[in-house]
Amino acid sequence: MLYPPKFLPENVDVLLSVNWLYHIPGASLDDMFNVYGEYVNPGGYMAFDCISARYNSKPNNTYHTADLRLPPAKRRPSEYTFRMTSREVENCASKYGYVVQKKRELRTSPPRNVYIAKRCF
């Protein structure tokens, strides 16, 4: 779970979260919507990226990417704390009054998707 932020945004039309949430131990997309979602104005957007659940099928995906050349016993756990399917992202967003309007698949390693979700109410 996310720690309560010291400063919260007020009345924003766009909230941008890129390349950070899935690195926070114990964090989830639910946390982001729960903590920040209500500060986006109705009709506003949240733009964020998420590691694709496809990464789960890649060799060595459970290890930290910087440690892949080390013997398995010396490797740390992956820095990518959660991975989600597009359906899971859409379901999570809808629980908080958002609809995913755009999704872009990035052909990166690990594979990730960028989403733009609109706040309906």
C-alpha atoms as a PDB file:
ATOM      1  CA  MET A   1       0.000   0.000   0.000  1.00  0.00           C
ATOM      2  CA  LEU A   2       1.176   3.511  -0.750  1.00  0.00           C
ATOM      3  CA  TYR A   3       2.144   5.770   2.091  1.00  0.00           C
ATOM      4  CA  PRO A   4      -0.070   8.856   2.295  1.00  0.00           C
ATOM      5  CA  PRO A   5       1.567  11.596   0.222  1.00  0.00           C
ATOM      6  CA  LYS A   6       2.639  14.802   1.942  1.00  0.00           C
ATOM      7  CA  PHE A   7       1.078  16.916  -0.777  1.00  0.00           C
ATOM      8  CA  LEU A   8      -1.987  16.035  -2.814  1.00  0.00           C
ATOM      9  CA  PRO A   9      -2.956  17.654  -6.093  1.00  0.00           C
ATOM     10  CA  GLU A  10      -6.159  19.679  -6.280  1.00  0.00           C
ATOM     11  CA  ASN A  11      -8.540  19.961  -9.208  1.00  0.00           C
ATOM     12  CA  VAL A  12      -6.246  18.595 -11.886  1.00  0.00           C
ATOM     13  CA  ASP A  13      -7.308  17.739 -15.406  1.00  0.00           C
ATOM     14  CA  VAL A  14      -4.471  15.273 -15.999  1.00  0.00           C
ATOM     15  CA  LEU A  15      -2.470  13.149 -13.600  1.00  0.00           C
ATOM     16  CA  LEU A  16       0.632  11.504 -15.050  1.00  0.00           C
ATOM     17  CA  SER A  17       2.333   8.463 -13.527  1.00  0.00           C
ATOM     18  CA  VAL A  18       5.078   7.010 -15.698  1.00  0.00           C
ATOM     19  CA  ASN A  19       7.711   4.432 -14.830  1.00  0.00           C
ATOM     20  CA  TRP A  20       7.426   4.399 -11.064  1.00  0.00           C
ATOM     21  CA  LEU A  21       4.380   2.774  -9.439  1.00  0.00           C
ATOM     22  CA  TYR A  22       5.302  -0.849 -10.163  1.00  0.00           C
ATOM     23  CA  HIS A  23       8.707  -0.314  -8.514  1.00  0.00           C
ATOM     24  CA  ILE A  24       7.227   0.464  -5.085  1.00  0.00           C
ATOM     25  CA  PRO A  25       7.127  -2.644  -2.887  1.00  0.00           C
ATOM     26  CA  GLY A  26       3.561  -3.473  -1.928  1.00  0.00           C
ATOM     27  CA  ALA A  27       2.002  -0.832  -4.203  1.00  0.00           C
ATOM     28  CA  SER A  28      -0.786  -1.543  -6.646  1.00  0.00           C
ATOM     29  CA  LEU A  29      -2.784   0.188  -9.329  1.00  0.00           C
ATOM     30  CA  ASP A  30      -5.678   0.164  -6.861  1.00  0.00           C
ATOM     31  CA  ASP A  31      -3.521   2.280  -4.554  1.00  0.00           C
ATOM     32  CA  MET A  32      -2.904   4.862  -7.259  1.00  0.00           C
ATOM     33  CA  PHE A  33      -6.590   5.213  -8.094  1.00  0.00           C
ATOM     34  CA  ASN A  34      -7.609   5.121  -4.432  1.00  0.00           C
ATOM     35  CA  VAL A  35      -5.109   7.770  -3.320  1.00  0.00           C
ATOM     36  CA  TYR A  36      -5.068  10.083  -6.347  1.00  0.00           C
ATOM     37  CA  GLY A  37      -8.142   9.269  -8.436  1.00  0.00           C
ATOM     38  CA  GLU A  38     -10.562  11.621  -6.692  1.00  0.00           C
ATOM     39  CA  TYR A  39      -8.286  14.632  -7.279  1.00  0.00           C
ATOM     40  CA  VAL A  40      -8.737  14.412 -11.040  1.00  0.00           C
ATOM     41  CA  ASN A  41     -11.652  16.536 -12.223  1.00  0.00           C
ATOM     42  CA  PRO A  42     -14.612  14.717 -13.785  1.00  0.00           C
ATOM     43  CA  GLY A  43     -13.804  14.410 -17.476  1.00  0.00           C
ATOM     44  CA  GLY A  44     -10.088  14.536 -16.635  1.00  0.00           C
ATOM     45  CA  TYR A  45      -7.499  11.853 -17.269  1.00  0.00           C
ATOM     46  CA  MET A  46      -4.973   9.620 -15.591  1.00  0.00           C
ATOM     47  CA  ALA A  47      -2.099   8.534 -17.821  1.00  0.00           C
ATOM     48  CA  PHE A  48       0.086   5.704 -16.542  1.00  0.00           C
ATOM     49  CA  ASP A  49       2.109   2.721 -17.591  1.00  0.00           C
ATOM     50  CA  CYS A  50       2.041  -0.803 -16.279  1.00  0.00           C
ATOM     51  CA  ILE A  51       4.237  -3.842 -16.821  1.00  0.00           C
ATOM     52  CA  SER A  52       2.343  -6.350 -18.950  1.00  0.00           C
ATOM     53  CA  ALA A  53       1.488  -9.736 -17.456  1.00  0.00           C
ATOM     54  CA  ARG A  54       3.176 -11.159 -20.577  1.00  0.00           C
ATOM     55  CA  TYR A  55       6.448 -10.538 -18.746  1.00  0.00           C
ATOM     56  CA  ASN A  56       5.555 -13.448 -16.442  1.00  0.00           C
ATOM     57  CA  SER A  57       6.316 -15.873 -19.276  1.00  0.00           C
ATOM     58  CA  LYS A  58       9.802 -14.486 -19.978  1.00  0.00           C
ATOM     59  CA  PRO A  59      12.828 -16.410 -18.693  1.00  0.00           C
ATOM     60  CA  ASN A  60      14.265 -15.050 -15.433  1.00  0.00           C
ATOM     61  CA  ASN A  61      11.362 -12.620 -14.948  1.00  0.00           C
ATOM     62  CA  THR A  62      11.416 -13.204 -11.180  1.00  0.00           C
ATOM     63  CA  TYR A  63      14.900 -11.715 -10.863  1.00  0.00           C
ATOM     64  CA  HIS A  64      16.060  -8.102 -10.798  1.00  0.00           C
ATOM     65  CA  THR A  65      17.137  -7.155 -14.320  1.00  0.00           C
ATOM     66  CA  ALA A  66      20.486  -5.778 -13.089  1.00  0.00           C
ATOM     67  CA  ASP A  67      21.325  -9.174 -11.573  1.00  0.00           C
ATOM     68  CA  LEU A  68      20.751 -11.459 -14.546  1.00  0.00           C
ATOM     69  CA  ARG A  69      24.465 -12.136 -15.026  1.00  0.00           C
ATOM     70  CA  LEU A  70      24.880 -13.201 -11.407  1.00  0.00           C
ATOM     71  CA  PRO A  71      24.429 -16.778 -10.214  1.00  0.00           C
ATOM     72  CA  PRO A  72      20.759 -17.360  -9.260  1.00  0.00           C
ATOM     73  CA  ALA A  73      21.588 -17.563  -5.542  1.00  0.00           C
ATOM     74  CA  LYS A  74      22.931 -13.994  -5.618  1.00  0.00           C
ATOM     75  CA  ARG A  75      20.061 -12.411  -7.553  1.00  0.00           C
ATOM     76  CA  ARG A  76      17.530 -10.076  -5.962  1.00  0.00           C
ATOM     77  CA  PRO A  77      13.802 -10.343  -6.630  1.00  0.00           C
ATOM     78  CA  SER A  78      12.499  -8.464  -9.656  1.00  0.00           C
ATOM     79  CA  GLU A  79      12.109  -4.717  -9.332  1.00  0.00           C
ATOM     80  CA  TYR A  80       8.781  -5.015 -11.154  1.00  0.00           C
ATOM     81  CA  THR A  81       6.485  -5.610  -8.203  1.00  0.00           C
ATOM     82  CA  PHE A  82       3.305  -6.191 -10.190  1.00  0.00           C
ATOM     83  CA  ARG A  83       2.302  -6.994 -13.738  1.00  0.00           C
ATOM     84  CA  MET A  84      -1.233  -6.744 -15.129  1.00  0.00           C
ATOM     85  CA  THR A  85      -3.268  -7.778 -18.142  1.00  0.00           C
ATOM     86  CA  SER A  86      -5.174  -5.087 -20.006  1.00  0.00           C
ATOM     87  CA  ARG A  87      -8.442  -6.523 -18.690  1.00  0.00           C
ATOM     88  CA  GLU A  88      -7.175  -6.260 -15.094  1.00  0.00           C
ATOM     89  CA  VAL A  89      -6.193  -2.625 -15.677  1.00  0.00           C
ATOM     90  CA  GLU A  90      -9.600  -1.829 -17.195  1.00  0.00           C
ATOM     91  CA  ASN A  91     -11.438  -3.525 -14.317  1.00  0.00           C
ATOM     92  CA  CYS A  92      -9.367  -1.677 -11.734  1.00  0.00           C
ATOM     93  CA  ALA A  93      -9.949   1.697 -13.406  1.00  0.00           C
ATOM     94  CA  SER A  94     -13.698   1.111 -13.615  1.00  0.00           C
ATOM     95  CA  LYS A  95     -13.938   0.475  -9.843  1.00  0.00           C
ATOM     96  CA  TYR A  96     -12.895   4.107  -9.355  1.00  0.00           C
ATOM     97  CA  GLY A  97     -15.110   5.666 -12.019  1.00  0.00           C
ATOM     98  CA  TYR A  98     -12.575   5.649 -14.865  1.00  0.00           C
ATOM     99  CA  VAL A  99     -12.761   4.217 -18.374  1.00  0.00           C
ATOM    100  CA  VAL A 100      -9.602   3.266 -20.278  1.00  0.00           C
ATOM    101  CA  GLN A 101      -9.848   5.187 -23.522  1.00  0.00           C
ATOM    102  CA  LYS A 102      -6.475   4.397 -25.043  1.00  0.00           C
ATOM    103  CA  LYS A 103      -3.853   1.742 -24.625  1.00  0.00           C
ATOM    104  CA  ARG A 104      -0.494   1.610 -26.325  1.00  0.00           C
ATOM    105  CA  GLU A 105       1.700  -1.461 -26.169  1.00  0.00           C
ATOM    106  CA  LEU A 106       5.389  -0.634 -25.886  1.00  0.00           C
ATOM    107  CA  ARG A 107       7.768  -3.205 -27.250  1.00  0.00           C
ATOM    108  CA  THR A 108      10.241  -2.852 -24.432  1.00  0.00           C
ATOM    109  CA  SER A 109      11.870  -5.222 -22.035  1.00  0.00           C
ATOM    110  CA  PRO A 110      10.009  -5.805 -19.894  1.00  0.00           C
ATOM    111  CA  PRO A 111       6.885  -5.369 -22.015  1.00  0.00           C
ATOM    112  CA  ARG A 112       4.692  -2.551 -20.772  1.00  0.00           C
ATOM    113  CA  ASN A 113       1.504  -0.805 -21.759  1.00  0.00           C
ATOM    114  CA  VAL A 114       0.645   2.868 -21.489  1.00  0.00           C
ATOM    115  CA  TYR A 115      -2.960   3.701 -20.628  1.00  0.00           C
ATOM    116  CA  ILE A 116      -5.084   6.828 -20.697  1.00  0.00           C
ATOM    117  CA  ALA A 117      -8.134   6.553 -18.468  1.00  0.00           C
ATOM    118  CA  LYS A 118     -10.900   9.151 -18.320  1.00  0.00           C
ATOM    119  CA  ARG A 119     -12.727   9.970 -15.109  1.00  0.00           C
ATOM    120  CA  CYS A 120     -16.449   9.608 -15.708  1.00  0.00           C
ATOM    121  CA  PHE A 121     -17.738  11.118 -12.449  1.00  0.00           C
END
